[in-house]
PDB file of N, CA and C in Angstrom:
ATOM      1  N   MET A   1       0.648 -11.387  -6.103  1.00  0.00           N
ATOM      2  CA  MET A   1       0.526 -10.693  -7.270  1.00  0.00           C
ATOM      3  C   MET A   1       1.946  -9.889  -7.404  1.00  0.00           C
ATOM      4  N   SER A   2       2.607 -10.195  -8.530  1.00  0.00           N
ATOM      5  CA  SER A   2       3.875  -9.409  -8.792  1.00  0.00           C
ATOM      6  C   SER A   2       3.657  -7.963  -9.155  1.00  0.00           C
ATOM      7  N   SER A   3       2.653  -7.374  -9.364  1.00  0.00           N
ATOM      8  CA  SER A   3       2.563  -6.080  -9.770  1.00  0.00           C
ATOM      9  C   SER A   3       2.567  -5.225  -8.552  1.00  0.00           C
ATOM     10  N   PHE A   4       2.190  -5.638  -7.345  1.00  0.00           N
ATOM     11  CA  PHE A   4       2.286  -4.936  -6.047  1.00  0.00           C
ATOM     12  C   PHE A   4       3.685  -4.605  -5.643  1.00  0.00           C
ATOM     13  N   LYS A   5       3.871  -3.474  -5.091  1.00  0.00           N
ATOM     14  CA  LYS A   5       5.199  -3.075  -4.584  1.00  0.00           C
ATOM     15  C   LYS A   5       5.261  -3.043  -3.178  1.00  0.00           C
ATOM     16  N   ASP A   6       6.221  -3.472  -2.648  1.00  0.00           N
ATOM     17  CA  ASP A   6       6.314  -3.316  -0.948  1.00  0.00           C
ATOM     18  C   ASP A   6       6.773  -1.908  -0.704  1.00  0.00           C
ATOM     19  N   LEU A   7       5.952  -1.242   0.294  1.00  0.00           N
ATOM     20  CA  LEU A   7       6.302  -0.028   0.733  1.00  0.00           C
ATOM     21  C   LEU A   7       6.805  -0.061   2.153  1.00  0.00           C
ATOM     22  N   ARG A   8       7.800   0.767   2.381  1.00  0.00           N
ATOM     23  CA  ARG A   8       8.205   0.766   3.820  1.00  0.00           C
ATOM     24  C   ARG A   8       7.495   1.695   4.526  1.00  0.00           C
ATOM     25  N   ILE A   9       6.836   1.461   5.583  1.00  0.00           N
ATOM     26  CA  ILE A   9       5.798   2.251   6.330  1.00  0.00           C
ATOM     27  C   ILE A   9       6.686   3.113   7.265  1.00  0.00           C
ATOM     28  N   VAL A  10       6.588   4.578   7.195  1.00  0.00           N
ATOM     29  CA  VAL A  10       7.324   5.475   7.706  1.00  0.00           C
ATOM     30  C   VAL A  10       6.257   6.521   8.438  1.00  0.00           C
ATOM     31  N   ASP A  11       6.817   7.527   9.169  1.00  0.00           N
ATOM     32  CA  ASP A  11       5.844   8.510   9.928  1.00  0.00           C
ATOM     33  C   ASP A  11       4.908   9.185   8.907  1.00  0.00           C
ATOM     34  N   ASN A  12       5.509   9.566   7.861  1.00  0.00           N
ATOM     35  CA  ASN A  12       4.766  10.269   6.724  1.00  0.00           C
ATOM     36  C   ASN A  12       4.209   9.426   5.540  1.00  0.00           C
ATOM     37  N   PHE A  13       3.574   8.190   5.742  1.00  0.00           N
ATOM     38  CA  PHE A  13       3.335   7.155   4.956  1.00  0.00           C
ATOM     39  C   PHE A  13       2.334   7.893   3.952  1.00  0.00           C
ATOM     40  N   TYR A  14       1.343   8.580   4.346  1.00  0.00           N
ATOM     41  CA  TYR A  14       0.324   9.068   3.306  1.00  0.00           C
ATOM     42  C   TYR A  14       0.982  10.072   2.492  1.00  0.00           C
ATOM     43  N   GLN A  15       2.036  10.903   2.810  1.00  0.00           N
ATOM     44  CA  GLN A  15       2.594  11.840   2.048  1.00  0.00           C
ATOM     45  C   GLN A  15       3.508  11.198   1.024  1.00  0.00           C
ATOM     46  N   THR A  16       4.230  10.061   1.401  1.00  0.00           N
ATOM     47  CA  THR A  16       4.999   9.231   0.485  1.00  0.00           C
ATOM     48  C   THR A  16       4.212   8.295  -0.507  1.00  0.00           C
ATOM     49  N   SER A  17       2.968   8.069  -0.280  1.00  0.00           N
ATOM     50  CA  SER A  17       2.090   7.325  -0.969  1.00  0.00           C
ATOM     51  C   SER A  17       1.206   8.130  -1.731  1.00  0.00           C
ATOM     52  N   SER A  18       1.510   9.224  -2.191  1.00  0.00           N
ATOM     53  CA  SER A  18       0.627  10.201  -2.899  1.00  0.00           C
ATOM     54  C   SER A  18      -0.017   9.892  -4.034  1.00  0.00           C
ATOM     55  N   PHE A  19       0.496   8.477  -4.746  1.00  0.00           N
ATOM     56  CA  PHE A  19       0.077   8.103  -5.891  1.00  0.00           C
ATOM     57  C   PHE A  19      -1.415   7.432  -5.632  1.00  0.00           C
ATOM     58  N   PHE A  20      -1.710   7.256  -4.302  1.00  0.00           N
ATOM     59  CA  PHE A  20      -3.224   6.686  -4.282  1.00  0.00           C
ATOM     60  C   PHE A  20      -4.296   7.748  -4.437  1.00  0.00           C
ATOM     61  N   PRO A  21      -5.280   7.414  -5.136  1.00  0.00           N
ATOM     62  CA  PRO A  21      -6.254   8.381  -5.400  1.00  0.00           C
ATOM     63  C   PRO A  21      -7.216   8.630  -4.214  1.00  0.00           C
ATOM     64  N   MET A  22      -6.819   9.602  -3.256  1.00  0.00           N
ATOM     65  CA  MET A  22      -7.597   9.980  -2.055  1.00  0.00           C
ATOM     66  C   MET A  22      -8.179  11.434  -2.203  1.00  0.00           C
ATOM     67  N   PRO A  23      -9.383  11.627  -1.994  1.00  0.00           N
ATOM     68  CA  PRO A  23      -9.733  13.048  -1.916  1.00  0.00           C
ATOM     69  C   PRO A  23      -9.029  13.834  -0.861  1.00  0.00           C
ATOM     70  N   THR A  24      -8.779  15.018  -1.178  1.00  0.00           N
ATOM     71  CA  THR A  24      -8.069  15.883  -0.199  1.00  0.00           C
ATOM     72  C   THR A  24      -8.952  17.082   0.244  1.00  0.00           C
ATOM     73  N   ILE A  25      -8.942  17.552   1.369  1.00  0.00           N
ATOM     74  CA  ILE A  25      -9.696  18.624   1.852  1.00  0.00           C
ATOM     75  C   ILE A  25      -8.775  19.710   2.536  1.00  0.00           C
ATOM     76  N   LEU A  26      -9.019  20.773   2.592  1.00  0.00           N
ATOM     77  CA  LEU A  26      -8.237  21.912   3.232  1.00  0.00           C
ATOM     78  C   LEU A  26      -9.150  22.322   4.500  1.00  0.00           C
ATOM     79  N   VAL A  27      -8.488  22.020   5.670  1.00  0.00           N
ATOM     80  CA  VAL A  27      -9.259  22.652   7.044  1.00  0.00           C
ATOM     81  C   VAL A  27      -8.709  23.875   7.334  1.00  0.00           C
ATOM     82  N   SER A  28      -9.324  24.873   7.559  1.00  0.00           N
ATOM     83  CA  SER A  28      -8.854  26.040   8.019  1.00  0.00           C
ATOM     84  C   SER A  28      -9.230  26.303   9.530  1.00  0.00           C
ATOM     85  N   THR A  29      -8.171  26.879  10.237  1.00  0.00           N
ATOM     86  CA  THR A  29      -8.393  27.121  11.640  1.00  0.00           C
ATOM     87  C   THR A  29      -7.699  28.528  12.007  1.00  0.00           C
ATOM     88  N   VAL A  30      -8.033  28.960  13.183  1.00  0.00           N
ATOM     89  CA  VAL A  30      -7.355  30.178  13.613  1.00  0.00           C
ATOM     90  C   VAL A  30      -6.212  30.051  14.746  1.00  0.00           C
ATOM     91  N   ASP A  31      -5.049  30.420  14.482  1.00  0.00           N
ATOM     92  CA  ASP A  31      -4.145  30.078  15.733  1.00  0.00           C
ATOM     93  C   ASP A  31      -4.256  31.120  16.744  1.00  0.00           C
ATOM     94  N   ASP A  32      -3.290  30.974  17.648  1.00  0.00           N
ATOM     95  CA  ASP A  32      -3.272  31.814  18.906  1.00  0.00           C
ATOM     96  C   ASP A  32      -3.014  33.271  18.544  1.00  0.00           C
ATOM     97  N   GLU A  33      -2.553  33.619  17.490  1.00  0.00           N
ATOM     98  CA  GLU A  33      -2.227  35.047  17.131  1.00  0.00           C
ATOM     99  C   GLU A  33      -3.331  35.515  16.125  1.00  0.00           C
ATOM    100  N   GLY A  34      -4.444  34.768  15.994  1.00  0.00           N
ATOM    101  CA  GLY A  34      -5.624  35.142  15.225  1.00  0.00           C
ATOM    102  C   GLY A  34      -5.450  35.122  13.893  1.00  0.00           C
ATOM    103  N   LYS A  35      -4.329  34.335  13.331  1.00  0.00           N
ATOM    104  CA  LYS A  35      -4.054  34.131  11.883  1.00  0.00           C
ATOM    105  C   LYS A  35      -4.851  32.904  11.470  1.00  0.00           C
ATOM    106  N   THR A  36      -5.322  32.941  10.117  1.00  0.00           N
ATOM    107  CA  THR A  36      -6.057  31.671   9.738  1.00  0.00           C
ATOM    108  C   THR A  36      -4.826  30.815   9.141  1.00  0.00           C
ATOM    109  N   THR A  37      -4.932  29.510   9.384  1.00  0.00           N
ATOM    110  CA  THR A  37      -4.038  28.479   8.751  1.00  0.00           C
ATOM    111  C   THR A  37      -4.698  27.516   8.077  1.00  0.00           C
ATOM    112  N   LEU A  38      -4.221  26.897   7.046  1.00  0.00           N
ATOM    113  CA  LEU A  38      -4.785  25.863   6.354  1.00  0.00           C
ATOM    114  C   LEU A  38      -3.926  24.343   6.493  1.00  0.00           C
ATOM    115  N   GLY A  39      -4.694  23.455   6.566  1.00  0.00           N
ATOM    116  CA  GLY A  39      -3.947  22.171   6.600  1.00  0.00           C
ATOM    117  C   GLY A  39      -4.643  21.177   5.497  1.00  0.00           C
ATOM    118  N   ALA A  40      -3.950  20.483   4.787  1.00  0.00           N
ATOM    119  CA  ALA A  40      -4.450  19.563   3.831  1.00  0.00           C
ATOM    120  C   ALA A  40      -4.556  18.200   4.543  1.00  0.00           C
ATOM    121  N   TYR A  41      -5.681  17.532   4.302  1.00  0.00           N
ATOM    122  CA  TYR A  41      -5.980  16.243   4.831  1.00  0.00           C
ATOM    123  C   TYR A  41      -6.550  15.316   3.890  1.00  0.00           C
ATOM    124  N   SER A  42      -6.219  14.080   3.783  1.00  0.00           N
ATOM    125  CA  SER A  42      -6.871  13.144   2.966  1.00  0.00           C
ATOM    126  C   SER A  42      -7.534  12.223   3.841  1.00  0.00           C
ATOM    127  N   LEU A  43      -7.428  12.187   5.139  1.00  0.00           N
ATOM    128  CA  LEU A  43      -8.041  11.054   5.989  1.00  0.00           C
ATOM    129  C   LEU A  43      -9.329  11.760   6.690  1.00  0.00           C
ATOM    130  N   CYS A  44     -10.384  11.912   5.700  1.00  0.00           N
ATOM    131  CA  CYS A  44     -11.655  12.416   6.067  1.00  0.00           C
ATOM    132  C   CYS A  44     -12.764  11.686   5.479  1.00  0.00           C
ATOM    133  N   PHE A  45     -13.822  11.352   6.286  1.00  0.00           N
ATOM    134  CA  PHE A  45     -14.828  10.488   5.729  1.00  0.00           C
ATOM    135  C   PHE A  45     -16.170  10.940   6.222  1.00  0.00           C
ATOM    136  N   PRO A  46     -17.096  10.598   5.258  1.00  0.00           N
ATOM    137  CA  PRO A  46     -18.576  11.152   5.651  1.00  0.00           C
ATOM    138  C   PRO A  46     -18.995  10.240   6.924  1.00  0.00           C
ATOM    139  N   TYR A  47     -19.735  10.783   7.794  1.00  0.00           N
ATOM    140  CA  TYR A  47     -20.049  10.051   9.042  1.00  0.00           C
ATOM    141  C   TYR A  47     -21.405  10.660   9.439  1.00  0.00           C
ATOM    142  N   TYR A  48     -22.349   9.687   9.717  1.00  0.00           N
ATOM    143  CA  TYR A  48     -23.601  10.011  10.228  1.00  0.00           C
ATOM    144  C   TYR A  48     -23.942   9.495  11.646  1.00  0.00           C
ATOM    145  N   ILE A  49     -23.821  10.478  12.635  1.00  0.00           N
ATOM    146  CA  ILE A  49     -24.174  10.087  14.074  1.00  0.00           C
ATOM    147  C   ILE A  49     -25.513  10.679  14.439  1.00  0.00           C
ATOM    148  N   ALA A  50     -25.903  11.678  13.820  1.00  0.00           N
ATOM    149  CA  ALA A  50     -27.196  12.443  14.202  1.00  0.00           C
ATOM    150  C   ALA A  50     -28.350  12.122  13.354  1.00  0.00           C
ATOM    151  N   GLY A  51     -28.061  11.032  12.458  1.00  0.00           N
ATOM    152  CA  GLY A  51     -29.102  10.824  11.406  1.00  0.00           C
ATOM    153  C   GLY A  51     -28.743  11.444  10.133  1.00  0.00           C
ATOM    154  N   LYS A  52     -29.526  11.112   9.127  1.00  0.00           N
ATOM    155  CA  LYS A  52     -29.289  11.482   7.759  1.00  0.00           C
ATOM    156  C   LYS A  52     -29.755  12.929   7.558  1.00  0.00           C
ATOM    157  N   ASP A  53     -30.398  13.570   8.277  1.00  0.00           N
ATOM    158  CA  ASP A  53     -30.834  14.933   8.361  1.00  0.00           C
ATOM    159  C   ASP A  53     -29.615  15.939   8.400  1.00  0.00           C
ATOM    160  N   TYR A  54     -28.404  15.535   8.862  1.00  0.00           N
ATOM    161  CA  TYR A  54     -27.256  16.449   9.003  1.00  0.00           C
ATOM    162  C   TYR A  54     -26.148  15.796   8.285  1.00  0.00           C
ATOM    163  N   TYR A  55     -25.220  16.629   7.926  1.00  0.00           N
ATOM    164  CA  TYR A  55     -24.001  16.192   7.279  1.00  0.00           C
ATOM    165  C   TYR A  55     -22.892  16.319   8.325  1.00  0.00           C
ATOM    166  N   ALA A  56     -22.048  15.342   8.347  1.00  0.00           N
ATOM    167  CA  ALA A  56     -20.975  15.293   9.366  1.00  0.00           C
ATOM    168  C   ALA A  56     -19.647  14.749   8.637  1.00  0.00           C
ATOM    169  N   MET A  57     -18.409  15.018   9.251  1.00  0.00           N
ATOM    170  CA  MET A  57     -17.349  14.382   8.590  1.00  0.00           C
ATOM    171  C   MET A  57     -16.344  14.047   9.846  1.00  0.00           C
ATOM    172  N   ILE A  58     -15.673  12.979   9.590  1.00  0.00           N
ATOM    173  CA  ILE A  58     -14.568  12.499  10.637  1.00  0.00           C
ATOM    174  C   ILE A  58     -13.300  13.099  10.088  1.00  0.00           C
ATOM    175  N   LEU A  59     -12.603  13.843  10.942  1.00  0.00           N
ATOM    176  CA  LEU A  59     -11.291  14.139  10.477  1.00  0.00           C
ATOM    177  C   LEU A  59     -10.180  13.272  11.375  1.00  0.00           C
ATOM    178  N   GLU A  60      -9.303  12.716  10.708  1.00  0.00           N
ATOM    179  CA  GLU A  60      -8.311  11.890  11.521  1.00  0.00           C
ATOM    180  C   GLU A  60      -7.042  12.668  11.408  1.00  0.00           C
ATOM    181  N   CYS A  61      -6.483  13.031  12.596  1.00  0.00           N
ATOM    182  CA  CYS A  61      -5.277  13.696  12.403  1.00  0.00           C
ATOM    183  C   CYS A  61      -4.594  13.569  13.901  1.00  0.00           C
ATOM    184  N   ARG A  62      -3.220  13.914  14.047  1.00  0.00           N
ATOM    185  CA  ARG A  62      -2.607  13.691  15.330  1.00  0.00           C
ATOM    186  C   ARG A  62      -3.075  14.639  16.272  1.00  0.00           C
ATOM    187  N   ASN A  63      -3.345  14.386  17.473  1.00  0.00           N
ATOM    188  CA  ASN A  63      -3.697  15.437  18.511  1.00  0.00           C
ATOM    189  C   ASN A  63      -2.829  16.353  18.807  1.00  0.00           C
ATOM    190  N   SER A  64      -1.512  16.210  18.364  1.00  0.00           N
ATOM    191  CA  SER A  64      -0.556  17.270  18.584  1.00  0.00           C
ATOM    192  C   SER A  64      -0.299  18.281  17.442  1.00  0.00           C
ATOM    193  N   SER A  65      -1.103  17.996  16.246  1.00  0.00           N
ATOM    194  CA  SER A  65      -0.972  18.702  15.071  1.00  0.00           C
ATOM    195  C   SER A  65      -1.594  20.233  15.347  1.00  0.00           C
ATOM    196  N   ASN A  66      -1.047  21.233  14.673  1.00  0.00           N
ATOM    197  CA  ASN A  66      -1.566  22.575  14.896  1.00  0.00           C
ATOM    198  C   ASN A  66      -3.236  22.566  14.516  1.00  0.00           C
ATOM    199  N   THR A  67      -3.517  21.872  13.534  1.00  0.00           N
ATOM    200  CA  THR A  67      -4.942  21.910  13.332  1.00  0.00           C
ATOM    201  C   THR A  67      -5.803  21.216  14.472  1.00  0.00           C
ATOM    202  N   ALA A  68      -5.401  20.214  15.010  1.00  0.00           N
ATOM    203  CA  ALA A  68      -6.115  19.542  15.984  1.00  0.00           C
ATOM    204  C   ALA A  68      -6.157  20.554  17.397  1.00  0.00           C
ATOM    205  N   GLN A  69      -4.982  21.117  17.553  1.00  0.00           N
ATOM    206  CA  GLN A  69      -4.838  22.102  18.640  1.00  0.00           C
ATOM    207  C   GLN A  69      -5.690  23.230  18.672  1.00  0.00           C
ATOM    208  N   ASN A  70      -5.652  23.821  17.417  1.00  0.00           N
ATOM    209  CA  ASN A  70      -6.590  25.012  17.144  1.00  0.00           C
ATOM    210  C   ASN A  70      -8.052  24.700  17.146  1.00  0.00           C
ATOM    211  N   ILE A  71      -8.517  23.483  16.780  1.00  0.00           N
ATOM    212  CA  ILE A  71      -9.948  23.137  16.730  1.00  0.00           C
ATOM    213  C   ILE A  71     -10.307  23.017  18.380  1.00  0.00           C
ATOM    214  N   LEU A  72      -9.398  22.387  19.184  1.00  0.00           N
ATOM    215  CA  LEU A  72      -9.632  21.986  20.532  1.00  0.00           C
ATOM    216  C   LEU A  72      -9.749  23.374  21.335  1.00  0.00           C
ATOM    217  N   LYS A  73      -8.807  24.324  20.901  1.00  0.00           N
ATOM    218  CA  LYS A  73      -8.903  25.700  21.709  1.00  0.00           C
ATOM    219  C   LYS A  73     -10.097  26.629  21.276  1.00  0.00           C
ATOM    220  N   ARG A  74     -10.666  26.488  20.122  1.00  0.00           N
ATOM    221  CA  ARG A  74     -11.572  27.464  19.428  1.00  0.00           C
ATOM    222  C   ARG A  74     -12.776  26.666  19.107  1.00  0.00           C
TER     223      ARG A  74
END
């Protein structure tokens, strides 16, 4: 199909491809100094592991990101 464009995949592919309609969420965490930080993510999906009586989400992020580190610490 000629209407598709080739995109060069880079480290920040999702930021450079912001024209895709993806839902975005803000994840707030607390850092080592007690400050609240926000991270915007579009790779989040509904997820049911405990049955449909509970709501859950999968957040996909780098394990070295500030958000991931803050979640693991607290």
